[in-house]
Amino acid sequence: MKYLIVGLGNIGSEYECTRHNIGFRVLDALAKASNVVFMDKRYGAVTEIKMKGRTLILLKPSTYMNLSGNAVRYWMQAEKIPLENVLVVVDDLALPLGTLRLKGKGSDAGHNGLGHIQATLGTQNYARLRFGIGNEFSRGRQVDYVLGHFADEEEQVLPSRFEICEDIIKTFCLAGIQTAMNQYNNK
């Protein structure tokens, strides 16, 4: 059984470690913990993790955030992965820093990456793991905040949250979304 785990972000050194690239960082942490390395392939950086009879294909799209759906559709088709086995890891302004929420479907909530995936797949019924980045910005400064870097004290919170993301992703693949939501959404 195959799963597509997509971490949303933007390519390029100027976006590295920004709040908007938290999806990339979650997948980087999972890959590192699993001793696998990303390879540049069509539409993104890709690697695989084998786990209890399952194959997790990790994808960091190279299409930029606003065209993420192209990469998701391509890898779903190339690897014959059904929609229910897709999980998208994404930053979320509406959640406090480090808060994690797994959902089986939902609106794009104004997130351009999720919006493009929804438009490309023709549905909003795909799983997403929302990683809270907080919303500590003044009016009209949202773009600067999202594309900005975490403060030092915020960076210190992230590694433990990445570990929980790894557990959520593994539980999603091994036990299903309902079990993963029940186990992790209120922590």
Protein backbone atom coordinates (compact mmCIF):
# COMPACT_ATOMS: atom_id res chain seq x y z
CA MET A 1 0.00 0.00 0.00
CA LYS A 2 1.35 3.43 -0.99
CA TYR A 3 0.90 6.83 0.63
CA LEU A 4 1.81 10.27 -0.67
CA ILE A 5 2.96 12.64 2.07
CA VAL A 6 3.29 16.17 0.71
CA GLY A 7 5.05 18.95 2.59
CA LEU A 8 4.16 22.37 1.22
CA GLY A 9 6.73 25.10 0.82
CA ASN A 10 8.60 27.22 -1.69
CA ILE A 11 11.91 26.28 -3.28
CA GLY A 12 14.91 28.57 -3.12
CA SER A 13 17.31 29.65 -0.40
CA GLU A 14 15.36 32.86 0.25
CA TYR A 15 12.40 30.75 1.49
CA GLU A 16 14.40 28.21 3.48
CA CYS A 17 13.24 28.00 7.11
CA THR A 18 10.41 30.53 6.64
CA ARG A 19 7.10 29.94 8.36
CA HIS A 20 5.49 29.14 5.00
CA ASN A 21 7.98 26.27 4.50
CA ILE A 22 7.06 24.35 7.63
CA GLY A 23 5.76 21.49 5.44
CA PHE A 24 9.21 21.06 3.91
CA ARG A 25 10.79 21.08 7.36
CA VAL A 26 8.41 18.42 8.72
CA LEU A 27 9.30 16.13 5.81
CA ASP A 28 13.01 16.89 6.22
CA ALA A 29 12.77 15.81 9.87
CA LEU A 30 10.89 12.62 8.95
CA ALA A 31 13.42 11.77 6.23
CA LYS A 32 16.34 12.39 8.58
CA ALA A 33 14.79 10.22 11.32
CA SER A 34 14.30 7.47 8.73
CA ASN A 35 17.82 7.79 7.24
CA VAL A 36 16.57 8.56 3.73
CA VAL A 37 17.64 11.34 1.39
CA PHE A 38 15.57 13.41 -1.02
CA MET A 39 16.35 13.23 -4.74
CA ASP A 40 15.34 15.87 -7.27
CA LYS A 41 12.71 14.35 -9.53
CA ARG A 42 9.85 15.58 -11.65
CA TYR A 43 7.86 18.29 -9.86
CA GLY A 44 9.82 18.03 -6.63
CA ALA A 45 12.24 16.46 -4.21
CA VAL A 46 11.15 12.89 -3.45
CA THR A 47 12.15 10.04 -1.18
CA GLU A 48 10.54 6.83 0.09
CA ILE A 49 10.17 5.24 3.49
CA LYS A 50 9.23 1.57 3.85
CA MET A 51 7.23 0.83 6.98
CA LYS A 52 5.35 -2.33 7.93
CA GLY A 53 4.38 -3.25 4.38
CA ARG A 54 3.62 0.31 3.38
CA THR A 55 5.53 2.72 1.17
CA LEU A 56 5.46 6.38 2.13
CA ILE A 57 6.44 8.64 -0.75
CA LEU A 58 7.54 11.98 0.65
CA LEU A 59 7.20 14.92 -1.74
CA LYS A 60 8.43 18.49 -1.42
CA PRO A 61 6.98 20.15 -4.56
CA SER A 62 9.31 22.28 -6.69
CA THR A 63 6.37 24.07 -8.29
CA TYR A 64 6.21 26.89 -5.72
CA MET A 65 3.32 27.01 -3.29
CA ASN A 66 0.72 28.45 -5.68
CA LEU A 67 1.09 25.51 -8.12
CA SER A 68 1.39 22.66 -5.60
CA GLY A 69 -1.55 20.80 -7.11
CA ASN A 70 0.47 19.99 -10.24
CA ALA A 71 3.03 18.04 -8.22
CA VAL A 72 0.38 16.30 -6.10
CA ARG A 73 -1.62 15.21 -9.16
CA TYR A 74 1.49 14.00 -11.02
CA TRP A 75 2.76 11.83 -8.15
CA MET A 76 -0.71 10.47 -7.33
CA GLN A 77 -1.05 9.35 -10.94
CA ALA A 78 2.55 8.13 -11.39
CA GLU A 79 2.42 6.02 -8.22
CA LYS A 80 -1.30 5.13 -8.48
CA ILE A 81 -2.06 6.53 -5.03
CA PRO A 82 -5.73 6.97 -4.13
CA LEU A 83 -6.93 10.26 -2.65
CA GLU A 84 -7.56 8.70 0.76
CA ASN A 85 -3.82 7.89 0.99
CA VAL A 86 -2.70 11.49 0.44
CA LEU A 87 -1.67 13.70 3.36
CA VAL A 88 -0.63 17.34 2.91
CA VAL A 89 1.45 19.06 5.62
CA VAL A 90 0.81 22.80 5.63
CA ASP A 91 1.39 25.96 7.67
CA ASP A 92 -1.64 27.50 9.37
CA LEU A 93 -1.93 31.11 10.55
CA ALA A 94 -5.15 30.40 12.47
CA LEU A 95 -3.42 28.05 14.92
CA PRO A 96 -1.01 29.07 17.68
CA LEU A 97 2.63 28.20 17.11
CA GLY A 98 3.23 24.45 17.25
CA THR A 99 -0.45 23.48 17.42
CA LEU A 100 -1.14 20.47 15.19
CA ARG A 101 -4.49 19.57 13.65
CA LEU A 102 -5.16 16.61 11.39
CA LYS A 103 -8.28 16.89 9.22
CA GLY A 104 -9.77 14.58 6.61
CA LYS A 105 -11.09 17.41 4.46
CA GLY A 106 -11.84 21.09 4.56
CA SER A 107 -11.60 24.42 2.84
CA ASP A 108 -8.30 25.94 1.77
CA ALA A 109 -8.84 28.68 4.42
CA GLY A 110 -7.17 31.17 2.08
CA HIS A 111 -3.99 29.09 1.75
CA ASN A 112 -2.80 29.29 -1.87
CA GLY A 113 -1.14 25.86 -1.81
CA LEU A 114 -4.25 24.11 -0.53
CA GLY A 115 -6.37 26.17 -2.93
CA HIS A 116 -4.38 25.00 -5.93
CA ILE A 117 -4.44 21.37 -4.78
CA GLN A 118 -8.22 21.60 -4.34
CA ALA A 119 -8.68 23.19 -7.78
CA THR A 120 -6.37 20.68 -9.48
CA LEU A 121 -7.86 17.57 -7.83
CA GLY A 122 -11.42 18.90 -8.03
CA THR A 123 -12.09 18.14 -4.37
CA GLN A 124 -11.30 19.33 -0.88
CA ASN A 125 -11.67 15.79 0.48
CA TYR A 126 -8.02 15.03 1.16
CA ALA A 127 -6.21 14.82 4.48
CA ARG A 128 -4.14 17.72 5.73
CA LEU A 129 -1.96 18.16 8.76
CA ARG A 130 -2.09 21.81 9.76
CA PHE A 131 0.96 23.11 11.63
CA GLY A 132 0.26 26.29 13.56
CA ILE A 133 2.65 29.16 12.88
CA GLY A 134 0.75 31.74 14.93
CA ASN A 135 -0.44 35.13 13.75
CA GLU A 136 1.73 37.65 15.55
CA PHE A 137 1.69 40.32 12.85
CA SER A 138 0.16 43.75 12.49
CA ARG A 139 -2.51 44.63 9.98
CA GLY A 140 -1.30 44.40 6.39
CA ARG A 141 1.87 42.49 7.36
CA GLN A 142 0.62 38.92 6.79
CA VAL A 143 2.84 38.20 3.76
CA ASP A 144 5.95 39.47 5.56
CA TYR A 145 5.08 37.32 8.58
CA VAL A 146 4.41 34.12 6.60
CA LEU A 147 7.55 34.55 4.50
CA GLY A 148 9.57 35.58 7.55
CA HIS A 149 11.77 33.41 9.75
CA PHE A 150 10.88 32.06 13.16
CA ALA A 151 12.33 33.92 16.15
CA ASP A 152 15.02 32.03 18.10
CA GLU A 153 12.62 31.13 20.91
CA GLU A 154 10.08 29.85 18.35
CA GLU A 155 12.76 27.71 16.67
CA GLN A 156 13.35 25.96 20.00
CA VAL A 157 9.73 24.73 20.03
CA LEU A 158 9.88 23.17 16.56
CA PRO A 159 11.97 19.97 16.97
CA SER A 160 9.58 18.43 19.51
CA ARG A 161 6.61 19.36 17.29
CA PHE A 162 8.35 17.75 14.28
CA GLU A 163 8.62 14.51 16.27
CA ILE A 164 4.88 14.58 16.96
CA CYS A 165 4.25 15.22 13.25
CA GLU A 166 6.29 12.09 12.46
CA ASP A 167 4.09 10.09 14.85
CA ILE A 168 0.91 11.55 13.33
CA ILE A 169 2.06 10.71 9.79
CA LYS A 170 3.01 7.15 10.75
CA THR A 171 -0.29 6.63 12.59
CA PHE A 172 -2.20 8.01 9.57
CA CYS A 173 -0.50 5.42 7.34
CA LEU A 174 -0.65 2.46 9.74
CA ALA A 175 -3.96 2.92 11.56
CA GLY A 176 -5.97 5.41 9.47
CA ILE A 177 -6.99 9.01 9.76
CA GLN A 178 -9.70 8.53 12.39
CA THR A 179 -7.32 6.84 14.80
CA ALA A 180 -4.66 9.48 14.16
CA MET A 181 -7.14 12.33 14.74
CA ASN A 182 -8.45 10.74 17.94
CA GLN A 183 -4.94 10.17 19.24
CA TYR A 184 -3.34 13.53 18.40
CA ASN A 185 -5.82 16.34 17.75
CA ASN A 186 -6.39 17.29 21.36
CA LYS A 187 -2.77 17.27 22.48
